[in-house]
Amino acid sequence: MTDPLHLRRATLEDVGAISDVYLRSRQTIAAYAPLMHSDEEVRQWIAEFLVPSGEVTVALDGDRIAGMSAMSRAYGVVWLDQLYVSPSSFGLGIGSRLLADVIDRALTVVQLYTFVQNTRARAFYERHGFEAIEYGDGKNNEEGCPDVLYRLPYRDACKR
């Protein structure tokens, strides 16, 4: 039996599905954090900034986009800026596949922020070897929620 899940770079045709995954997932896992932008503003940001950045990957379960990741490079590290899975696909390994893809392409340290209150995400990243290196009080994010900076040290391919 073949695995129906595969990853590919996002295209502008994916904007609607990526937006839906982002909004549904965020509403499910981070309902405590106020979304500071309307759904339409989020969709516009995804269409005009996120997808055109070229660093967005989608996970397709068959023909359906079930998850997405976005990364950027700054200050000598790769930043995992977004990782969202459709709530109907939680627990299927999609997040792990997307994360592994980012790590494999990084070739350097990977860092990310998540909310302190997002215990599900924190456990997920810790299971994958990320370590909490700094806690914030929420003054540096638009939601005003305490956050935590995670870091995954660079792992040379020979050490994997």
Protein backbone atom coordinates (compact mmCIF):
# COMPACT_ATOMS: atom_id res chain seq x y z
CA MET A 1 0.00 0.00 0.00
CA THR A 2 1.44 3.38 -0.93
CA ASP A 3 1.51 6.36 1.39
CA PRO A 4 -0.99 8.95 0.10
CA LEU A 5 0.85 11.71 1.99
CA HIS A 6 3.39 13.72 0.06
CA LEU A 7 5.07 17.11 0.41
CA ARG A 8 5.62 19.79 -2.21
CA ARG A 9 6.29 23.50 -2.45
CA ALA A 10 3.20 25.67 -2.18
CA THR A 11 1.86 27.55 -5.18
CA LEU A 12 -0.49 30.51 -5.41
CA GLU A 13 -3.28 28.06 -6.30
CA ASP A 14 -2.89 26.64 -2.77
CA VAL A 15 -3.58 29.93 -0.96
CA GLY A 16 -7.23 29.15 -0.14
CA ALA A 17 -6.49 25.70 1.27
CA ILE A 18 -3.41 26.93 3.18
CA SER A 19 -5.49 29.75 4.66
CA ASP A 20 -8.18 27.31 5.75
CA VAL A 21 -5.64 24.99 7.42
CA TYR A 22 -3.96 27.92 9.16
CA LEU A 23 -7.19 29.46 10.45
CA ARG A 24 -8.87 26.19 11.53
CA SER A 25 -5.77 24.88 13.23
CA ARG A 26 -5.00 28.10 15.03
CA GLN A 27 -8.61 28.39 16.23
CA THR A 28 -8.40 24.82 17.55
CA ILE A 29 -4.99 24.80 19.24
CA ALA A 30 -4.55 28.45 20.21
CA ALA A 31 -8.05 29.73 20.90
CA TYR A 32 -6.66 31.48 24.01
CA ALA A 33 -4.46 33.73 21.82
CA PRO A 34 -6.42 36.51 20.14
CA LEU A 35 -5.98 36.51 16.38
CA MET A 36 -5.06 40.12 15.73
CA HIS A 37 -6.15 40.08 12.09
CA SER A 38 -9.41 39.28 10.35
CA ASP A 39 -9.69 36.06 8.35
CA GLU A 40 -9.54 38.16 5.18
CA GLU A 41 -6.34 39.88 6.32
CA VAL A 42 -4.78 36.49 7.08
CA ARG A 43 -5.74 35.20 3.63
CA GLN A 44 -4.26 38.33 2.03
CA TRP A 45 -1.00 37.94 4.01
CA ILE A 46 -0.73 34.30 2.93
CA ALA A 47 -1.39 35.22 -0.72
CA GLU A 48 0.79 38.30 -0.92
CA PHE A 49 3.65 37.48 1.42
CA LEU A 50 3.85 33.96 2.79
CA VAL A 51 3.43 31.82 -0.34
CA PRO A 52 5.45 34.17 -2.60
CA SER A 53 8.37 33.85 -0.15
CA GLY A 54 9.00 30.44 -1.74
CA GLU A 55 9.62 28.75 1.59
CA VAL A 56 6.17 27.25 2.16
CA THR A 57 5.65 23.51 1.94
CA VAL A 58 2.29 21.79 1.88
CA ALA A 59 1.47 18.26 2.96
CA LEU A 60 -1.07 16.61 0.73
CA ASP A 61 -3.13 13.68 1.95
CA GLY A 62 -4.27 12.42 -1.43
CA ASP A 63 -5.40 15.60 -3.18
CA ARG A 64 -6.24 17.53 0.01
CA ILE A 65 -3.85 19.96 1.70
CA ALA A 66 -3.70 18.68 5.26
CA GLY A 67 -0.81 20.76 6.60
CA MET A 68 1.71 23.46 5.87
CA SER A 69 5.05 24.76 7.05
CA ALA A 70 6.87 28.01 6.37
CA MET A 71 10.50 28.75 7.08
CA SER A 72 12.86 31.68 6.69
CA ARG A 73 16.55 32.29 7.15
CA ALA A 74 17.89 35.10 9.33
CA TYR A 75 20.78 35.69 11.70
CA GLY A 76 22.52 32.45 10.71
CA VAL A 77 19.62 30.18 11.62
CA VAL A 78 16.53 28.77 9.97
CA TRP A 79 13.29 29.95 11.54
CA LEU A 80 10.28 27.69 11.49
CA ASP A 81 7.76 30.49 11.14
CA GLN A 82 4.60 28.42 10.68
CA LEU A 83 3.64 24.77 11.14
CA TYR A 84 -0.05 23.97 11.03
CA VAL A 85 -2.01 20.78 10.44
CA SER A 86 -5.71 20.58 9.73
CA PRO A 87 -7.48 19.55 12.97
CA SER A 88 -9.10 16.62 11.13
CA SER A 89 -5.57 15.31 10.46
CA PHE A 90 -4.06 15.68 13.95
CA GLY A 91 -2.12 12.62 15.09
CA LEU A 92 -1.40 11.24 11.61
CA GLY A 93 2.29 12.19 11.49
CA ILE A 94 1.79 15.12 9.12
CA GLY A 95 3.41 17.65 11.46
CA SER A 96 6.37 15.32 11.95
CA ARG A 97 6.84 14.96 8.19
CA LEU A 98 6.69 18.72 7.67
CA LEU A 99 9.13 19.33 10.53
CA ALA A 100 11.56 16.70 9.23
CA ASP A 101 11.49 18.40 5.83
CA VAL A 102 12.40 21.76 7.36
CA ILE A 103 15.21 20.20 9.41
CA ASP A 104 16.59 18.33 6.39
CA ARG A 105 16.66 21.52 4.29
CA ALA A 106 18.00 23.76 7.05
CA LEU A 107 21.68 22.72 7.14
CA THR A 108 22.00 24.88 10.25
CA VAL A 109 20.34 25.54 13.60
CA VAL A 110 16.51 25.65 13.55
CA GLN A 111 14.62 27.97 15.89
CA LEU A 112 10.97 28.78 16.49
CA TYR A 113 8.61 30.51 18.86
CA THR A 114 5.44 29.06 20.26
CA PHE A 115 3.13 30.17 23.03
CA VAL A 116 3.91 28.90 26.52
CA GLN A 117 0.26 27.88 26.86
CA ASN A 118 0.44 25.72 23.70
CA THR A 119 1.38 22.54 25.57
CA ARG A 120 0.58 20.34 22.57
CA ALA A 121 3.08 22.17 20.34
CA ARG A 122 5.69 22.34 23.10
CA ALA A 123 5.50 18.58 23.67
CA PHE A 124 5.70 18.00 19.90
CA TYR A 125 8.86 20.10 19.48
CA GLU A 126 10.49 18.65 22.58
CA ARG A 127 9.83 15.12 21.27
CA HIS A 128 11.73 16.14 18.14
CA GLY A 129 14.78 17.34 20.07
CA PHE A 130 14.09 21.06 20.41
CA GLU A 131 15.17 22.71 23.64
CA ALA A 132 13.56 25.76 25.26
CA ILE A 133 16.22 28.48 25.43
CA GLU A 134 14.27 31.61 26.33
CA TYR A 135 10.89 32.56 27.75
CA GLY A 136 9.10 35.81 26.91
CA ASP A 137 6.28 37.62 28.66
CA GLY A 138 4.32 38.35 25.47
CA LYS A 139 5.51 41.92 25.03
CA ASN A 140 7.29 40.98 21.79
CA ASN A 141 4.38 39.30 19.99
CA GLU A 142 1.21 40.91 18.75
CA GLU A 143 -1.07 38.56 20.69
CA GLY A 144 0.48 39.56 24.01
CA CYS A 145 0.77 35.92 25.10
CA PRO A 146 3.84 34.56 26.90
CA ASP A 147 6.03 32.64 24.47
CA VAL A 148 9.02 30.34 24.41
CA LEU A 149 11.93 30.25 21.99
CA TYR A 150 12.97 26.74 20.98
CA ARG A 151 16.22 25.72 19.31
CA LEU A 152 17.31 22.55 17.56
CA PRO A 153 21.09 22.44 17.21
CA TYR A 154 22.47 21.67 13.76
CA ARG A 155 22.79 17.94 13.20
CA ASP A 156 25.36 17.00 10.61
CA ALA A 157 24.06 14.33 8.24
CA CYS A 158 26.85 12.00 9.43
CA LYS A 159 25.54 12.21 12.99
CA ARG A 160 21.91 11.34 12.21
